[in-house]
């Protein structure tokens, strides 16, 4: 994973954590890992801080 991917992943984790009632970045990253394992999201790769969600067929951006 490149440093750009890591930064995008942390940004998405922060955004999700805020939306989910203040979960920590670490807890949110663990949650993202679980979602990736079951195939609900794909790893962040060049999505500029978003997450590709196959079920939606779209990139969901967090800001």
N, C-alpha and C. Protein backbone atom coordinates (compact mmCIF):
# COMPACT_ATOMS: atom_id res chain seq x y z
N UNK A 1 0.86 -1.18 0.00
CA UNK A 1 0.00 0.00 0.00
C UNK A 1 0.90 1.23 0.00
N UNK A 2 0.63 2.13 -0.91
CA UNK A 2 1.44 3.34 -1.00
C UNK A 2 1.07 4.33 0.11
N UNK A 3 1.94 5.30 0.32
CA UNK A 3 1.65 6.30 1.36
C UNK A 3 0.40 7.10 0.99
N UNK A 4 0.18 7.32 -0.31
CA UNK A 4 -1.03 8.04 -0.73
C UNK A 4 -2.28 7.23 -0.38
N UNK A 5 -2.23 5.92 -0.57
CA UNK A 5 -3.35 5.06 -0.22
C UNK A 5 -3.59 5.08 1.29
N UNK A 6 -2.49 5.06 2.05
CA UNK A 6 -2.62 5.09 3.51
C UNK A 6 -3.26 6.39 3.97
N UNK A 7 -2.85 7.51 3.37
CA UNK A 7 -3.44 8.81 3.74
C UNK A 7 -4.93 8.83 3.39
N UNK A 8 -5.28 8.32 2.22
CA UNK A 8 -6.69 8.28 1.80
C UNK A 8 -7.49 7.39 2.74
N UNK A 9 -6.91 6.27 3.14
CA UNK A 9 -7.59 5.34 4.05
C UNK A 9 -7.82 5.99 5.41
N UNK A 10 -6.80 6.70 5.92
CA UNK A 10 -6.97 7.37 7.21
C UNK A 10 -8.01 8.48 7.12
N UNK A 11 -8.02 9.22 6.00
CA UNK A 11 -9.02 10.28 5.82
C UNK A 11 -10.43 9.70 5.80
N UNK A 12 -10.59 8.59 5.09
CA UNK A 12 -11.90 7.93 5.06
C UNK A 12 -12.27 7.42 6.45
N UNK A 13 -11.30 6.88 7.17
CA UNK A 13 -11.56 6.38 8.52
C UNK A 13 -11.99 7.50 9.45
N UNK A 14 -11.33 8.65 9.33
CA UNK A 14 -11.72 9.80 10.16
C UNK A 14 -13.14 10.22 9.83
N UNK A 15 -13.46 10.29 8.53
CA UNK A 15 -14.80 10.72 8.12
C UNK A 15 -15.86 9.74 8.60
N UNK A 16 -15.61 8.45 8.45
CA UNK A 16 -16.58 7.45 8.90
C UNK A 16 -16.72 7.50 10.41
N UNK A 17 -15.59 7.65 11.11
CA UNK A 17 -15.63 7.71 12.57
C UNK A 17 -16.49 8.85 13.08
N UNK A 18 -16.37 10.01 12.44
CA UNK A 18 -17.18 11.17 12.83
C UNK A 18 -18.65 10.87 12.58
N UNK A 19 -18.95 10.25 11.43
CA UNK A 19 -20.33 9.93 11.09
C UNK A 19 -20.90 8.86 12.01
N UNK A 20 -20.04 7.99 12.54
CA UNK A 20 -20.51 6.87 13.36
C UNK A 20 -20.43 7.19 14.85
N UNK A 21 -20.52 8.43 15.21
CA UNK A 21 -20.56 8.78 16.63
C UNK A 21 -19.22 8.85 17.30
N UNK A 22 -18.18 9.23 16.56
CA UNK A 22 -16.88 9.49 17.17
C UNK A 22 -16.02 8.26 17.41
N UNK A 23 -16.16 7.23 16.58
CA UNK A 23 -15.26 6.08 16.70
C UNK A 23 -13.83 6.56 16.45
N UNK A 24 -12.87 5.94 17.11
CA UNK A 24 -11.48 6.32 16.88
C UNK A 24 -11.05 5.91 15.47
N UNK A 25 -9.98 6.54 14.99
CA UNK A 25 -9.48 6.20 13.65
C UNK A 25 -9.08 4.73 13.63
N UNK A 26 -8.43 4.24 14.67
CA UNK A 26 -8.01 2.84 14.71
C UNK A 26 -9.22 1.90 14.66
N UNK A 27 -10.25 2.19 15.44
CA UNK A 27 -11.45 1.36 15.42
C UNK A 27 -12.11 1.39 14.05
N UNK A 28 -12.11 2.56 13.43
CA UNK A 28 -12.73 2.70 12.12
C UNK A 28 -11.93 1.95 11.07
N UNK A 29 -10.59 2.00 11.15
CA UNK A 29 -9.76 1.23 10.22
C UNK A 29 -10.03 -0.26 10.37
N UNK A 30 -10.20 -0.72 11.60
CA UNK A 30 -10.53 -2.13 11.82
C UNK A 30 -11.88 -2.46 11.19
N UNK A 31 -12.82 -1.54 11.30
CA UNK A 31 -14.14 -1.71 10.71
C UNK A 31 -14.03 -1.78 9.18
N UNK A 32 -13.21 -0.89 8.59
CA UNK A 32 -12.99 -0.93 7.14
C UNK A 32 -12.38 -2.27 6.72
N UNK A 33 -11.43 -2.77 7.52
CA UNK A 33 -10.83 -4.07 7.21
C UNK A 33 -11.87 -5.16 7.18
N UNK A 34 -12.79 -5.14 8.15
CA UNK A 34 -13.85 -6.15 8.19
C UNK A 34 -14.76 -6.04 6.97
N UNK A 35 -15.09 -4.82 6.57
CA UNK A 35 -15.94 -4.62 5.39
C UNK A 35 -15.24 -5.12 4.13
N UNK A 36 -13.91 -4.93 4.06
CA UNK A 36 -13.16 -5.43 2.91
C UNK A 36 -13.17 -6.95 2.89
N UNK A 37 -13.03 -7.58 4.06
CA UNK A 37 -12.98 -9.05 4.13
C UNK A 37 -14.27 -9.68 3.62
N UNK A 38 -15.39 -9.05 3.90
CA UNK A 38 -16.68 -9.63 3.46
C UNK A 38 -17.09 -9.11 2.09
N UNK A 39 -16.26 -8.26 1.47
CA UNK A 39 -16.50 -7.82 0.11
C UNK A 39 -17.47 -6.66 -0.06
N UNK A 40 -17.79 -5.96 1.02
CA UNK A 40 -18.71 -4.84 0.88
C UNK A 40 -18.03 -3.59 0.35
N UNK A 41 -16.72 -3.49 0.59
CA UNK A 41 -15.95 -2.40 -0.01
C UNK A 41 -14.68 -2.98 -0.58
N UNK A 42 -14.05 -2.26 -1.48
CA UNK A 42 -12.77 -2.68 -2.03
C UNK A 42 -11.70 -1.76 -1.47
N UNK A 43 -10.46 -2.26 -1.43
CA UNK A 43 -9.38 -1.43 -0.88
C UNK A 43 -9.32 -0.06 -1.58
N UNK A 44 -8.99 0.94 -0.80
CA UNK A 44 -8.86 2.30 -1.35
C UNK A 44 -7.65 2.33 -2.25
N UNK A 45 -7.84 2.77 -3.48
CA UNK A 45 -6.73 2.85 -4.42
C UNK A 45 -7.03 3.95 -5.42
N UNK A 46 -6.37 5.07 -5.26
CA UNK A 46 -6.53 6.21 -6.17
C UNK A 46 -7.96 6.74 -6.23
N UNK A 47 -8.66 6.71 -5.13
CA UNK A 47 -10.02 7.23 -5.09
C UNK A 47 -10.09 8.58 -4.38
N UNK A 48 -8.92 9.19 -4.14
CA UNK A 48 -8.89 10.52 -3.56
C UNK A 48 -9.70 10.63 -2.28
N UNK A 49 -9.49 9.71 -1.35
CA UNK A 49 -10.18 9.79 -0.07
C UNK A 49 -11.57 9.17 -0.07
N UNK A 50 -11.88 8.42 -1.10
CA UNK A 50 -13.17 7.74 -1.14
C UNK A 50 -12.99 6.24 -1.04
N UNK A 51 -14.10 5.53 -1.04
CA UNK A 51 -14.09 4.08 -0.97
C UNK A 51 -14.98 3.56 -2.08
N UNK A 52 -14.48 2.61 -2.85
CA UNK A 52 -15.31 2.01 -3.89
C UNK A 52 -16.22 0.97 -3.25
N UNK A 53 -17.50 1.11 -3.44
CA UNK A 53 -18.47 0.18 -2.87
C UNK A 53 -19.12 -0.59 -4.03
N UNK A 54 -18.73 -1.86 -4.20
CA UNK A 54 -19.21 -2.63 -5.34
C UNK A 54 -20.74 -2.72 -5.42
N UNK A 55 -21.40 -2.85 -4.28
CA UNK A 55 -22.87 -2.97 -4.30
C UNK A 55 -23.53 -1.73 -4.90
N UNK A 56 -22.90 -0.57 -4.67
CA UNK A 56 -23.45 0.66 -5.22
C UNK A 56 -22.92 0.93 -6.62
N UNK A 57 -21.81 0.29 -6.96
CA UNK A 57 -21.17 0.54 -8.24
C UNK A 57 -20.62 1.95 -8.33
N UNK A 58 -20.21 2.50 -7.18
CA UNK A 58 -19.76 3.88 -7.16
C UNK A 58 -18.70 4.08 -6.09
N UNK A 59 -17.98 5.17 -6.26
CA UNK A 59 -17.03 5.59 -5.23
C UNK A 59 -17.76 6.53 -4.29
N UNK A 60 -17.73 6.22 -3.00
CA UNK A 60 -18.33 7.09 -2.00
C UNK A 60 -17.22 7.94 -1.43
N UNK A 61 -17.35 9.24 -1.54
CA UNK A 61 -16.30 10.15 -1.06
C UNK A 61 -16.65 10.67 0.32
N UNK A 62 -15.62 10.86 1.11
CA UNK A 62 -15.78 11.41 2.45
C UNK A 62 -15.00 12.70 2.50
N UNK A 63 -15.60 13.72 3.05
CA UNK A 63 -14.89 14.96 3.27
C UNK A 63 -15.37 15.67 4.47
